[in-house]
Amino acid sequence: MAHNPLAAGAFLEALSDNGIDYVFGNAGTDFAPLIEAFAQAEISGATVPMPVTVPHENVAICMAQGVYQASGRPQAVILHVNVGTANAICGLIDASRERIPVLLAAGRTPILEEGEPGSRTAFIHWGQEMFDQAGMLREIVKWDYELRHPAQAALAVDRAMTVAMADPKGPVYLTLPREVLAAGARPDARRAPRSAAAPAAPNTAAMERVKERLAKAERPILVCSSLGRTVAEWDALQSFAESQQVGVVSYRTRYAALPTAHPANLGVEVGPYLKDADLVLAVECDVPWIPANHVVSEDTSIIHLGIEPTFGRYPMRNFRAEETIAGDPAVALNDLSGSVTPDGVLVRRRERLENARSRADGALCDFTHPAPDGPSNPIWVARCLRSVQRPDDRVVVEIPFPIQHMDFTRQGSFFATPSAGGLGWALGASLGVKLADQTRRVIAVVGDGSYMFGNPTPAHQVARAMDLPTLTIILNNAMWAAVRRATLGLYPDGAAAASNRAPLTYIDPSPDYARIVEASGGYGERVERSADLPEALERALNIVDEERRPAVLDVATAYSDQQARTDART
């Protein structure tokens, strides 16, 4: 294989060696050696990742997340010095909380003012230097380093990815001084053979104690939020739920953990089941309930399972636990599937589970359609989506959305807002999900606020440039619903509750969102009447499927104070 003569080329080749397919980049003056190295690789045939131009840094970091979430393959993002890094921090926080291994690299202002290849040649090189560029994100990443010598170009990548891919996975940061990238490559630098760190196995003695508790429990439930990231987790949860007749609540879930129609799937609200449970298994769940809103009996046994079940990066988190077991959740659930539970206990569990599932199904059917001439609501949007949903569709959601009204049958078919809630995630993530597998249709559901945070102009431009047609549905209530919900939850009878126009809550007048996608050759449509939504969905999906253009539906959506109060309690 041909090798690139620049240290920047050795860096790019090392990315490919580590399984990185794409470099999502927003370039600056520090990129000259990287651009030269990419061009030299085209001539020499050296293997480097595909460069993807992304005109906003947060879209870039979210695209990298989406590729990993859909494929399990980590990706790289390279940005312009401190200012580019700053624009990506919101998305990087999301990646950190969701344990997504992204290699974020950024240029560093040239160290030398003159005299060496790569030293300062532009006015901006003085104003953009920082005493500690990585200091602004050090709390967020697992590892950070500044490339100090051309012989390290590949070694630093190897080290970064070794740390990023070790459990608990997470983002890493590497700064790249221009002088180092512009220097000659050092192919004789010795790279030690490496292997990915194997996931930890759960402690055997602790698992035996859990099995004893499980065998005696009459009303156990499993609560999860980030379970279902892999096929192994998806399969293991089904095996456990079926063998032990345990109901599963996907509370504030970020992934599809069970098929929607699975008999053990009890939906997304933990409250109705938590107060009666005698055993709670919190598996890959950072917040299994909200203490201010939910009651847990002192007699209930609480077990926490997961890769890092203490969530040590959360400054305060004090949920009760009789057992806390670190390890691969798929291994743990497969082990628990073999628990020797008395037949009589299993029969009683099955009866309770069937009754609970029947009540849950009944609640889903108790739905009032919105007035045909009025705005839609989230449940109506979900039901309309279900009517056109294909089994292999992938849905990316950045808004509280009633996914229990849809039908997910496959692992990797649903992705939701990371727990940090850094807005602007879904537009970029949906493009990354599409890029990971272009045979599958991708639908993003966002609020009007999160759509604006998603930098729609850059996102739609990348969709057209990379031939990544997706459908984006905006639930447009012309307000920050999360802010209204939080305010009514804290001050249900306060002045803001009585106000028809609480400060800092409304986004009015709404921009003409449909025209933003049209500027990049896409299709946009405003849907005012709920009765018009089914046909609008058909039109938009036809544009995506047949014309391969991105589409946006701006759906007028009602959100009442009564709904806000209900949401605040869950």
Protein backbone atom coordinates (compact mmCIF):
# COMPACT_ATOMS: atom_id res chain seq x y z
CA MET A 1 0.00 0.00 0.00
CA ALA A 2 1.23 3.50 -0.87
CA HIS A 3 1.93 5.84 2.02
CA ASN A 4 1.48 9.58 2.26
CA PRO A 5 4.69 11.61 2.72
CA LEU A 6 3.13 14.04 5.23
CA ALA A 7 2.51 13.46 8.93
CA ALA A 8 -1.05 14.55 8.13
CA GLY A 9 -1.23 11.60 5.74
CA ALA A 10 0.01 9.17 8.39
CA PHE A 11 -2.70 10.54 10.67
CA LEU A 12 -5.42 9.95 8.06
CA GLU A 13 -4.17 6.45 7.25
CA ALA A 14 -4.23 5.60 10.96
CA LEU A 15 -7.88 6.63 11.08
CA SER A 16 -8.67 4.02 8.42
CA ASP A 17 -6.56 1.45 10.24
CA ASN A 18 -8.84 1.98 13.23
CA GLY A 19 -12.04 1.31 11.26
CA ILE A 20 -13.04 4.93 10.68
CA ASP A 21 -14.91 5.33 7.40
CA TYR A 22 -15.62 9.07 7.35
CA VAL A 23 -14.03 12.31 8.45
CA PHE A 24 -16.75 14.90 8.96
CA GLY A 25 -15.00 18.22 8.62
CA ASN A 26 -15.46 21.96 8.74
CA ALA A 27 -12.17 23.36 7.55
CA GLY A 28 -10.05 26.34 8.55
CA THR A 29 -6.58 27.71 7.94
CA ASP A 30 -5.13 24.89 10.03
CA PHE A 31 -6.40 22.31 7.51
CA ALA A 32 -3.88 22.94 4.74
CA PRO A 33 -1.73 19.82 5.52
CA LEU A 34 -4.85 17.67 5.87
CA ILE A 35 -6.29 18.86 2.56
CA GLU A 36 -2.95 18.23 0.88
CA ALA A 37 -2.79 14.76 2.44
CA PHE A 38 -6.29 13.88 1.22
CA ALA A 39 -5.33 15.04 -2.29
CA GLN A 40 -2.07 13.05 -2.21
CA ALA A 41 -4.00 9.94 -1.09
CA GLU A 42 -6.17 10.19 -4.20
CA ILE A 43 -3.05 10.12 -6.36
CA SER A 44 -1.12 7.46 -4.45
CA GLY A 45 -4.02 5.16 -3.62
CA ALA A 46 -3.37 5.33 0.11
CA THR A 47 -6.36 4.20 2.17
CA VAL A 48 -7.91 7.10 4.08
CA PRO A 49 -11.46 7.85 5.27
CA MET A 50 -13.90 9.65 3.00
CA PRO A 51 -13.86 13.40 3.73
CA VAL A 52 -17.36 14.86 4.20
CA THR A 53 -17.74 18.64 4.15
CA VAL A 54 -20.24 19.75 6.79
CA PRO A 55 -20.89 23.51 7.00
CA HIS A 56 -21.63 23.50 10.72
CA GLU A 57 -19.69 21.77 13.48
CA ASN A 58 -22.67 20.56 15.52
CA VAL A 59 -24.15 18.88 12.45
CA ALA A 60 -20.78 17.19 11.90
CA ILE A 61 -20.50 15.78 15.42
CA CYS A 62 -24.13 14.59 15.31
CA MET A 63 -23.59 12.89 11.94
CA ALA A 64 -20.68 10.96 13.45
CA GLN A 65 -22.93 9.89 16.32
CA GLY A 66 -25.65 8.76 13.94
CA VAL A 67 -23.27 6.58 11.93
CA TYR A 68 -22.04 4.88 15.10
CA GLN A 69 -25.52 4.37 16.55
CA ALA A 70 -26.70 2.77 13.32
CA SER A 71 -23.61 0.70 12.54
CA GLY A 72 -21.44 0.33 15.65
CA ARG A 73 -18.49 1.81 13.72
CA PRO A 74 -16.81 4.86 15.31
CA GLN A 75 -16.17 7.93 13.18
CA ALA A 76 -13.99 11.05 13.23
CA VAL A 77 -14.73 14.76 13.17
CA ILE A 78 -12.06 17.35 12.40
CA LEU A 79 -12.77 21.02 13.11
CA HIS A 80 -11.11 24.42 13.04
CA VAL A 81 -9.10 25.16 16.19
CA ASN A 82 -10.89 26.58 19.27
CA VAL A 83 -13.83 28.20 17.51
CA GLY A 84 -14.78 25.03 15.64
CA THR A 85 -14.43 23.02 18.83
CA ALA A 86 -16.71 25.45 20.65
CA ASN A 87 -19.45 24.99 18.06
CA ALA A 88 -19.33 21.21 18.50
CA ILE A 89 -19.43 21.08 22.29
CA CYS A 90 -23.23 20.79 22.53
CA GLY A 91 -23.23 17.66 20.37
CA LEU A 92 -20.12 16.37 22.13
CA ILE A 93 -21.96 16.53 25.48
CA ASP A 94 -24.70 14.37 23.95
CA ALA A 95 -22.09 11.87 22.74
CA SER A 96 -20.47 11.75 26.15
CA ARG A 97 -23.67 11.00 28.04
CA GLU A 98 -24.67 8.33 25.50
CA ARG A 99 -21.18 6.77 25.54
CA ILE A 100 -20.61 7.21 21.83
CA PRO A 101 -16.97 6.84 20.73
CA VAL A 102 -16.26 9.80 18.46
CA LEU A 103 -12.72 10.96 17.70
CA LEU A 104 -12.95 14.74 17.67
CA ALA A 105 -9.81 16.37 16.34
CA ALA A 106 -9.20 20.05 15.90
CA GLY A 107 -6.40 22.12 14.58
CA ARG A 108 -4.28 24.09 16.97
CA THR A 109 -3.09 27.56 16.05
CA PRO A 110 0.51 27.23 14.78
CA ILE A 111 2.94 27.35 17.67
CA LEU A 112 5.73 29.24 15.89
CA GLU A 113 5.37 32.76 14.59
CA GLU A 114 7.74 32.15 11.69
CA GLY A 115 10.53 30.04 10.32
CA GLU A 116 9.10 26.53 9.91
CA PRO A 117 6.69 24.84 7.47
CA GLY A 118 3.23 25.33 8.93
CA SER A 119 4.12 28.29 11.15
CA ARG A 120 1.87 31.33 11.32
CA THR A 121 0.95 32.99 8.04
CA ALA A 122 -2.44 34.58 8.75
CA PHE A 123 -3.77 37.36 10.97
CA ILE A 124 -6.17 34.97 12.71
CA HIS A 125 -3.36 32.79 14.04
CA TRP A 126 -2.76 35.13 16.96
CA GLY A 127 -6.38 35.71 17.98
CA GLN A 128 -7.32 32.03 17.96
CA GLU A 129 -4.58 30.69 20.21
CA MET A 130 -5.59 29.61 23.71
CA PHE A 131 -3.57 28.72 26.79
CA ASP A 132 -5.48 25.44 27.07
CA GLN A 133 -7.72 24.71 24.08
CA ALA A 134 -8.80 21.31 25.40
CA GLY A 135 -9.72 22.83 28.75
CA MET A 136 -13.14 23.84 27.48
CA LEU A 137 -14.15 20.22 26.92
CA ARG A 138 -11.92 18.18 29.20
CA GLU A 139 -14.81 17.28 31.51
CA ILE A 140 -16.75 15.90 28.53
CA VAL A 141 -14.19 13.58 26.91
CA LYS A 142 -12.46 10.43 28.17
CA TRP A 143 -9.02 11.51 26.91
CA ASP A 144 -7.37 14.49 25.30
CA TYR A 145 -3.91 15.07 23.88
CA GLU A 146 -1.96 17.45 21.67
CA LEU A 147 0.07 15.92 18.85
CA ARG A 148 3.66 16.88 19.62
CA HIS A 149 5.82 15.15 17.01
CA PRO A 150 5.25 13.75 13.51
CA ALA A 151 6.34 10.29 14.69
CA GLN A 152 3.23 10.30 16.90
CA ALA A 153 0.76 10.92 14.08
CA ALA A 154 -0.44 7.31 13.90
CA LEU A 155 0.37 6.40 17.50
CA ALA A 156 -1.84 9.16 18.85
CA VAL A 157 -4.77 7.89 16.79
CA ASP A 158 -4.17 4.34 18.04
CA ARG A 159 -4.18 5.53 21.63
CA ALA A 160 -7.26 7.72 21.13
CA MET A 161 -9.31 4.89 19.67
CA THR A 162 -8.12 2.38 22.26
CA VAL A 163 -9.50 4.65 24.98
CA ALA A 164 -12.66 5.63 23.07
CA MET A 165 -13.67 2.00 22.40
CA ALA A 166 -13.03 0.70 25.92
CA ASP A 167 -16.14 0.43 28.10
CA PRO A 168 -17.68 2.70 29.05
CA LYS A 169 -17.14 4.07 25.56
CA GLY A 170 -17.02 7.77 24.87
CA PRO A 171 -15.58 10.65 22.85
CA VAL A 172 -11.90 11.63 22.79
CA TYR A 173 -10.17 14.83 21.67
CA LEU A 174 -6.92 15.39 19.81
CA THR A 175 -5.45 18.77 18.89
CA LEU A 176 -3.26 18.99 15.79
CA PRO A 177 -0.64 21.76 15.52
CA ARG A 178 -0.15 22.75 11.91
CA GLU A 179 3.65 22.46 12.06
CA VAL A 180 3.42 18.82 13.13
CA LEU A 181 0.90 17.91 10.41
CA ALA A 182 3.02 19.68 7.78
CA ALA A 183 6.18 17.80 8.72
CA GLY A 184 7.36 14.70 6.90
CA ALA A 185 5.83 11.40 7.93
CA ARG A 186 7.87 9.01 10.03
CA PRO A 187 6.85 5.56 8.73
CA ASP A 188 9.40 3.87 10.95
CA ALA A 189 7.45 4.82 14.09
CA ARG A 190 6.63 1.49 15.76
CA ARG A 191 2.93 0.78 16.27
CA ALA A 192 2.27 -1.98 18.77
CA PRO A 193 -0.39 -4.59 17.98
CA ARG A 194 -3.60 -3.79 19.85
CA SER A 195 -6.97 -5.37 20.50
CA ALA A 196 -10.22 -3.85 21.65
CA ALA A 197 -10.85 -4.17 25.37
CA ALA A 198 -13.37 -6.94 25.99
CA PRO A 199 -16.52 -5.96 27.91
CA ALA A 200 -16.40 -6.84 31.60
CA ALA A 201 -18.28 -9.93 32.74
CA PRO A 202 -20.75 -9.41 35.60
CA ASN A 203 -19.59 -10.61 39.02
CA THR A 204 -20.66 -14.23 39.44
CA ALA A 205 -21.43 -14.07 43.17
CA ALA A 206 -23.48 -10.91 42.79
CA MET A 207 -25.43 -12.42 39.88
CA GLU A 208 -26.28 -15.46 42.01
CA ARG A 209 -27.73 -13.16 44.67
CA VAL A 210 -29.84 -11.43 42.03
CA LYS A 211 -31.09 -14.80 40.79
CA GLU A 212 -32.21 -15.64 44.31
CA ARG A 213 -34.16 -12.39 44.55
CA LEU A 214 -35.60 -12.89 41.08
CA ALA A 215 -36.80 -16.43 41.83
CA LYS A 216 -38.86 -15.13 44.76
CA ALA A 217 -40.24 -11.97 43.19
CA GLU A 218 -43.96 -11.97 42.34
CA ARG A 219 -44.10 -8.56 40.67
CA PRO A 220 -40.72 -7.83 39.07
CA ILE A 221 -40.23 -5.20 36.38
CA LEU A 222 -37.24 -4.23 34.26
CA VAL A 223 -36.66 -0.53 33.58
CA CYS A 224 -34.25 0.57 30.84
CA SER A 225 -33.38 3.67 28.88
CA SER A 226 -30.24 2.89 26.82
CA LEU A 227 -30.75 -0.84 26.35
CA GLY A 228 -31.06 -2.16 22.81
CA ARG A 229 -27.96 -0.51 21.37
CA THR A 230 -26.81 -3.84 19.94
CA VAL A 231 -28.45 -6.94 18.50
CA ALA A 232 -27.03 -8.90 21.45
CA GLU A 233 -28.86 -6.65 23.93
CA TRP A 234 -32.09 -6.77 21.88
CA ASP A 235 -32.04 -10.58 21.77
CA ALA A 236 -30.99 -11.01 25.39
CA LEU A 237 -33.80 -8.80 26.69
CA GLN A 238 -36.42 -10.77 24.77
CA SER A 239 -35.02 -14.05 26.05
CA PHE A 240 -35.03 -12.78 29.63
CA ALA A 241 -38.52 -11.26 29.49
CA GLU A 242 -40.00 -14.43 27.98
CA SER A 243 -38.23 -16.95 30.19
CA GLN A 244 -38.89 -15.04 33.42
CA GLN A 245 -42.21 -13.39 32.50
CA VAL A 246 -40.96 -9.94 33.47
CA GLY A 247 -42.52 -6.76 32.12
CA VAL A 248 -40.24 -4.15 30.54
CA VAL A 249 -40.67 -0.38 30.78
CA SER A 250 -38.55 1.67 28.39
CA TYR A 251 -38.50 4.85 30.45
CA ARG A 252 -37.16 7.93 28.65
CA THR A 253 -35.75 5.46 26.19
CA ARG A 254 -33.09 6.31 23.62
CA TYR A 255 -33.36 3.01 21.72
CA ALA A 256 -35.94 0.39 20.87
CA ALA A 257 -35.33 -2.27 23.52
CA LEU A 258 -38.19 -4.64 22.63
CA PRO A 259 -40.57 -4.99 19.70
CA THR A 260 -43.57 -2.71 20.27
CA ALA A 261 -45.99 -5.65 20.13
CA HIS A 262 -43.96 -7.92 22.42
CA PRO A 263 -46.15 -9.28 25.25
CA ALA A 264 -43.65 -8.04 27.85
CA ASN A 265 -43.49 -4.49 26.49
CA LEU A 266 -45.32 -2.32 29.02
CA GLY A 267 -44.62 0.97 27.29
CA VAL A 268 -42.69 4.02 28.33
CA GLU A 269 -44.18 5.20 31.64
CA VAL A 270 -42.71 3.70 34.79
CA GLY A 271 -45.16 5.20 37.29
CA PRO A 272 -48.05 2.71 36.92
CA TYR A 273 -45.77 -0.27 37.62
CA LEU A 274 -43.16 1.08 40.00
CA LYS A 275 -45.35 1.46 43.06
CA ASP A 276 -46.48 -2.20 42.99
CA ALA A 277 -43.20 -3.86 42.02
CA ASP A 278 -41.38 -6.00 44.56
CA LEU A 279 -38.21 -6.13 42.41
CA VAL A 280 -36.90 -3.48 40.00
CA LEU A 281 -34.09 -4.33 37.61
CA ALA A 282 -32.67 -1.03 36.30
CA VAL A 283 -30.62 -2.08 33.28
CA GLU A 284 -28.58 0.52 31.38
CA CYS A 285 -30.77 3.15 33.00
CA ASP A 286 -29.35 6.39 34.30
CA VAL A 287 -32.68 7.65 35.70
CA PRO A 288 -35.00 4.71 36.47
CA TRP A 289 -37.57 7.01 38.05
CA ILE A 290 -37.90 10.61 39.22
CA PRO A 291 -38.00 10.71 43.03
CA ALA A 292 -40.13 13.86 43.07
CA ASN A 293 -42.79 12.23 40.88
CA HIS A 294 -42.69 8.51 41.70
CA VAL A 295 -43.11 6.42 44.84
CA VAL A 296 -41.00 3.31 45.45
CA SER A 297 -41.86 1.04 48.36
CA GLU A 298 -39.17 0.52 50.97
CA ASP A 299 -39.79 -3.20 50.58
CA THR A 300 -38.93 -3.15 46.85
CA SER A 301 -35.56 -4.61 45.95
CA ILE A 302 -33.60 -2.45 43.51
CA ILE A 303 -30.89 -3.92 41.27
CA HIS A 304 -28.76 -1.79 38.94
CA LEU A 305 -27.05 -3.52 35.99
CA GLY A 306 -24.96 -2.10 33.18
CA ILE A 307 -21.58 -1.30 31.75
CA GLU A 308 -21.08 1.42 34.37
CA PRO A 309 -24.21 1.32 36.52
CA THR A 310 -23.08 3.97 39.00
CA PHE A 311 -22.86 6.59 36.22
CA GLY A 312 -19.80 8.05 37.86
CA ARG A 313 -19.67 11.01 35.46
CA TYR A 314 -22.99 12.28 36.90
CA PRO A 315 -22.04 14.57 39.81
CA MET A 316 -25.14 13.65 41.87
CA ARG A 317 -27.13 10.44 41.46
CA ASN A 318 -28.42 8.66 44.56
CA PHE A 319 -30.89 5.92 43.65
CA ARG A 320 -31.26 3.12 46.18
CA ALA A 321 -29.65 -0.20 45.24
CA GLU A 322 -29.44 -3.60 46.95
CA GLU A 323 -27.05 -4.74 44.22
CA THR A 324 -25.05 -2.73 41.69
CA ILE A 325 -23.39 -4.94 39.08
CA ALA A 326 -21.06 -3.73 36.35
CA GLY A 327 -20.77 -5.72 33.15
CA ASP A 328 -22.08 -6.40 29.68
CA PRO A 329 -25.89 -6.14 29.96
CA ALA A 330 -26.46 -8.80 27.30
CA VAL A 331 -24.31 -11.26 29.25
CA ALA A 332 -26.12 -10.37 32.48
CA LEU A 333 -29.60 -10.79 30.98
CA ASN A 334 -28.70 -14.10 29.34
CA ASP A 335 -27.43 -15.29 32.71
CA LEU A 336 -30.64 -14.19 34.45
CA SER A 337 -32.69 -15.98 31.79
CA GLY A 338 -31.41 -19.20 33.33
CA SER A 339 -32.74 -18.37 36.79
CA VAL A 340 -34.58 -21.30 38.34
CA THR A 341 -37.93 -19.75 39.14
CA PRO A 342 -40.77 -21.94 40.50
CA ASP A 343 -43.47 -22.73 37.95
CA GLY A 344 -46.18 -21.31 40.18
CA VAL A 345 -44.38 -17.98 40.37
CA LEU A 346 -43.97 -17.89 36.58
CA VAL A 347 -47.67 -18.64 36.07
CA ARG A 348 -48.71 -15.79 38.38
CA ARG A 349 -46.26 -13.43 36.71
CA ARG A 350 -47.63 -14.35 33.30
CA GLU A 351 -51.19 -13.60 34.41
CA ARG A 352 -50.20 -10.23 35.83
CA LEU A 353 -48.17 -9.42 32.72
CA GLU A 354 -51.07 -10.27 30.42
CA ASN A 355 -53.41 -8.08 32.47
CA ALA A 356 -50.91 -5.22 32.51
CA ARG A 357 -50.38 -5.48 28.78
CA SER A 358 -54.14 -5.54 28.21
CA ARG A 359 -54.55 -2.35 30.25
CA ALA A 360 -51.70 -0.72 28.35
CA ASP A 361 -53.27 -1.65 25.01
CA GLY A 362 -56.61 -0.31 26.21
CA ALA A 363 -55.02 3.00 27.14
CA LEU A 364 -53.55 3.26 23.64
CA CYS A 365 -56.97 2.74 22.13
CA ASP A 366 -58.48 5.45 24.33
CA PHE A 367 -57.49 8.18 21.93
CA THR A 368 -59.53 11.13 20.72
CA HIS A 369 -58.77 12.18 17.18
CA PRO A 370 -58.03 15.88 16.76
CA ALA A 371 -60.63 17.98 15.01
CA PRO A 372 -60.17 17.55 11.24
CA ASP A 373 -59.90 21.30 10.67
CA GLY A 374 -57.68 21.85 13.70
CA PRO A 375 -53.99 21.23 14.38
CA SER A 376 -52.49 17.78 14.89
CA ASN A 377 -51.19 16.45 18.18
CA PRO A 378 -48.20 14.13 18.79
CA ILE A 379 -50.33 10.99 19.14
CA TRP A 380 -52.05 11.67 15.83
CA VAL A 381 -48.68 12.23 14.15
CA ALA A 382 -47.40 8.94 15.60
CA ARG A 383 -50.47 7.06 14.40
CA CYS A 384 -50.21 8.54 10.93
CA LEU A 385 -46.55 7.57 10.84
CA ARG A 386 -47.43 4.04 11.87
CA SER A 387 -49.77 3.73 8.89
CA VAL A 388 -46.86 4.33 6.49
CA GLN A 389 -44.07 2.78 8.59
CA ARG A 390 -41.99 0.01 7.05
CA PRO A 391 -40.33 -2.65 9.22
CA ASP A 392 -36.84 -1.48 8.24
CA ASP A 393 -37.53 2.26 8.61
CA ARG A 394 -35.35 4.10 11.09
CA VAL A 395 -36.95 6.85 13.18
CA VAL A 396 -34.87 9.53 14.90
CA VAL A 397 -36.75 11.57 17.51
CA GLU A 398 -35.75 14.78 19.28
CA ILE A 399 -38.93 15.65 21.13
CA PRO A 400 -41.13 13.89 23.71
CA PHE A 401 -42.99 11.62 21.32
CA PRO A 402 -45.48 8.78 21.95
CA ILE A 403 -43.53 5.97 20.30
CA GLN A 404 -45.86 3.43 21.92
CA HIS A 405 -48.34 4.36 19.18
CA MET A 406 -45.89 3.26 16.49
CA ASP A 407 -44.68 -0.23 15.58
CA PHE A 408 -40.99 -1.07 15.95
CA THR A 409 -40.08 -4.66 15.18
CA ARG A 410 -36.30 -4.58 14.64
CA GLN A 411 -33.24 -3.60 16.60
CA GLY A 412 -31.76 -0.28 15.50
CA SER A 413 -35.06 1.10 14.22
CA PHE A 414 -35.45 3.89 16.77
CA PHE A 415 -33.09 6.50 18.23
CA ALA A 416 -34.08 9.31 20.59
CA THR A 417 -32.64 12.41 22.19
CA PRO A 418 -29.51 11.75 24.28
CA SER A 419 -29.98 12.15 28.00
CA ALA A 420 -28.03 15.44 28.09
CA GLY A 421 -30.69 17.01 25.88
CA GLY A 422 -28.29 19.12 23.83
CA LEU A 423 -30.66 20.40 21.17
CA GLY A 424 -29.84 20.13 17.49
CA TRP A 425 -28.94 16.45 17.58
CA ALA A 426 -31.59 14.86 15.36
CA LEU A 427 -30.96 16.54 12.01
CA GLY A 428 -27.30 15.57 11.95
CA ALA A 429 -27.90 12.18 13.56
CA SER A 430 -30.56 11.27 11.01
CA LEU A 431 -28.09 12.02 8.20
CA GLY A 432 -25.49 9.82 9.91
CA VAL A 433 -28.03 7.03 10.36
CA LYS A 434 -28.90 7.28 6.67
CA LEU A 435 -25.22 7.32 5.67
CA ALA A 436 -24.61 4.12 7.66
CA ASP A 437 -27.21 2.23 5.62
CA GLN A 438 -28.65 3.99 2.60
CA THR A 439 -31.04 1.13 1.82
CA ARG A 440 -33.23 2.04 4.81
CA ARG A 441 -35.62 4.97 4.98
CA VAL A 442 -34.93 7.51 7.75
CA ILE A 443 -37.55 9.75 9.35
CA ALA A 444 -36.69 12.45 11.88
CA VAL A 445 -39.28 13.91 14.25
CA VAL A 446 -38.32 17.19 15.90
CA GLY A 447 -39.86 20.19 17.60
CA ASP A 448 -39.75 23.60 16.01
CA GLY A 449 -37.12 24.70 18.52
CA SER A 450 -34.90 21.66 18.02
CA TYR A 451 -35.22 22.07 14.25
CA MET A 452 -33.70 25.55 14.47
CA PHE A 453 -30.98 24.30 16.83
CA GLY A 454 -30.19 21.60 14.29
CA ASN A 455 -28.79 24.15 11.83
CA PRO A 456 -31.21 23.16 9.09
CA THR A 457 -29.52 25.04 6.24
CA PRO A 458 -26.20 23.13 6.65
CA ALA A 459 -28.05 19.88 7.36
CA HIS A 460 -30.17 20.04 4.22
CA GLN A 461 -27.17 21.11 2.14
CA VAL A 462 -25.25 18.02 3.28
CA ALA A 463 -28.30 15.85 2.55
CA ARG A 464 -28.28 17.02 -1.06
CA ALA A 465 -24.51 16.97 -1.47
CA MET A 466 -24.18 13.44 -0.09
CA ASP A 467 -27.43 12.09 -1.60
CA LEU A 468 -28.94 11.36 1.82
CA PRO A 469 -32.66 12.01 1.43
CA THR A 470 -34.56 11.92 4.74
CA LEU A 471 -37.98 13.06 5.89
CA THR A 472 -38.04 15.57 8.75
CA ILE A 473 -41.34 16.15 10.54
CA ILE A 474 -41.52 19.33 12.63
CA LEU A 475 -44.10 19.29 15.42
CA ASN A 476 -44.64 23.02 15.39
CA ASN A 477 -46.40 24.35 18.49
CA ALA A 478 -44.64 27.73 18.24
CA MET A 479 -43.26 27.41 21.75
CA TRP A 480 -40.64 25.84 23.98
CA ALA A 481 -42.91 23.10 25.32
CA ALA A 482 -40.21 21.78 27.67
CA VAL A 483 -39.92 25.23 29.26
CA ARG A 484 -43.71 25.50 29.67
CA ARG A 485 -43.83 22.00 31.12
CA ALA A 486 -41.08 22.72 33.64
CA THR A 487 -42.67 26.01 34.69
CA LEU A 488 -46.11 24.49 35.26
CA GLY A 489 -44.54 21.56 37.11
CA LEU A 490 -42.83 23.89 39.59
CA TYR A 491 -45.49 26.63 39.77
CA PRO A 492 -48.81 24.97 38.84
CA ASP A 493 -50.83 27.89 40.24
CA GLY A 494 -48.31 30.66 39.66
CA ALA A 495 -48.45 33.82 37.62
CA ALA A 496 -46.88 32.12 34.59
CA ALA A 497 -49.61 29.44 34.68
CA ALA A 498 -52.27 32.13 34.51
CA SER A 499 -50.51 33.99 31.73
CA ASN A 500 -51.46 33.45 28.11
CA ARG A 501 -48.01 34.61 27.11
CA ALA A 502 -45.40 33.56 29.67
CA PRO A 503 -41.99 35.18 29.05
CA LEU A 504 -39.23 33.28 27.19
CA THR A 505 -41.59 30.47 26.21
CA TYR A 506 -42.97 31.18 22.75
CA ILE A 507 -41.41 31.05 19.27
CA ASP A 508 -43.82 33.30 17.45
CA PRO A 509 -44.11 34.14 14.63
CA SER A 510 -42.81 30.88 13.23
CA PRO A 511 -40.41 31.04 10.30
CA ASP A 512 -41.54 29.44 7.08
CA TYR A 513 -39.66 26.21 7.81
CA ALA A 514 -40.78 24.52 4.58
CA ARG A 515 -38.84 27.05 2.51
CA ILE A 516 -35.54 26.30 4.26
CA VAL A 517 -35.30 22.83 2.72
CA GLU A 518 -36.42 24.21 -0.65
CA ALA A 519 -33.27 26.33 -0.73
CA SER A 520 -31.29 23.06 -0.99
CA GLY A 521 -33.53 21.56 -3.64
CA GLY A 522 -35.73 19.68 -1.18
CA TYR A 523 -39.50 19.50 -0.69
CA GLY A 524 -41.29 21.46 2.02
CA GLU A 525 -44.94 21.60 3.03
CA ARG A 526 -46.90 23.24 5.85
CA VAL A 527 -49.70 21.05 7.26
CA GLU A 528 -52.29 23.16 9.10
CA ARG A 529 -55.19 20.67 9.31
CA SER A 530 -54.87 17.30 11.02
CA ALA A 531 -57.05 15.76 8.31
CA ASP A 532 -54.42 16.66 5.71
CA LEU A 533 -51.53 14.90 7.45
CA PRO A 534 -51.93 11.37 5.98
CA GLU A 535 -51.80 12.61 2.38
CA ALA A 536 -48.98 15.02 3.17
CA LEU A 537 -46.96 12.11 4.57
CA GLU A 538 -47.55 10.12 1.39
CA ARG A 539 -46.39 13.03 -0.77
CA ALA A 540 -43.28 13.70 1.28
CA LEU A 541 -42.22 10.06 1.46
CA ASN A 542 -42.73 9.71 -2.27
CA ILE A 543 -40.33 12.64 -2.79
CA VAL A 544 -37.78 10.92 -0.52
CA ASP A 545 -38.21 7.47 -2.07
CA GLU A 546 -38.68 8.27 -5.76
CA GLU A 547 -36.93 11.61 -6.28
CA ARG A 548 -34.28 11.12 -3.59
CA ARG A 549 -34.71 14.63 -2.25
CA PRO A 550 -34.92 15.64 1.42
CA ALA A 551 -38.39 16.57 2.59
CA VAL A 552 -39.75 18.60 5.51
CA LEU A 553 -43.31 18.62 6.84
CA ASP A 554 -44.06 21.58 9.11
CA VAL A 555 -47.00 20.22 11.10
CA ALA A 556 -49.10 22.63 13.16
CA THR A 557 -49.35 20.93 16.56
CA ALA A 558 -51.45 21.71 19.62
CA TYR A 559 -49.98 21.51 23.11
CA SER A 560 -52.29 22.33 26.00
CA ASP A 561 -51.47 23.37 29.55
CA GLN A 562 -53.33 20.27 30.72
CA GLN A 563 -50.93 18.14 28.70
CA ALA A 564 -47.98 20.13 30.05
CA ARG A 565 -49.08 19.45 33.64
CA THR A 566 -49.49 15.74 32.90
CA ASP A 567 -46.06 15.56 31.26
CA ALA A 568 -44.47 17.36 34.22
CA ARG A 569 -45.63 14.57 36.55
CA THR A 570 -44.05 11.78 34.47
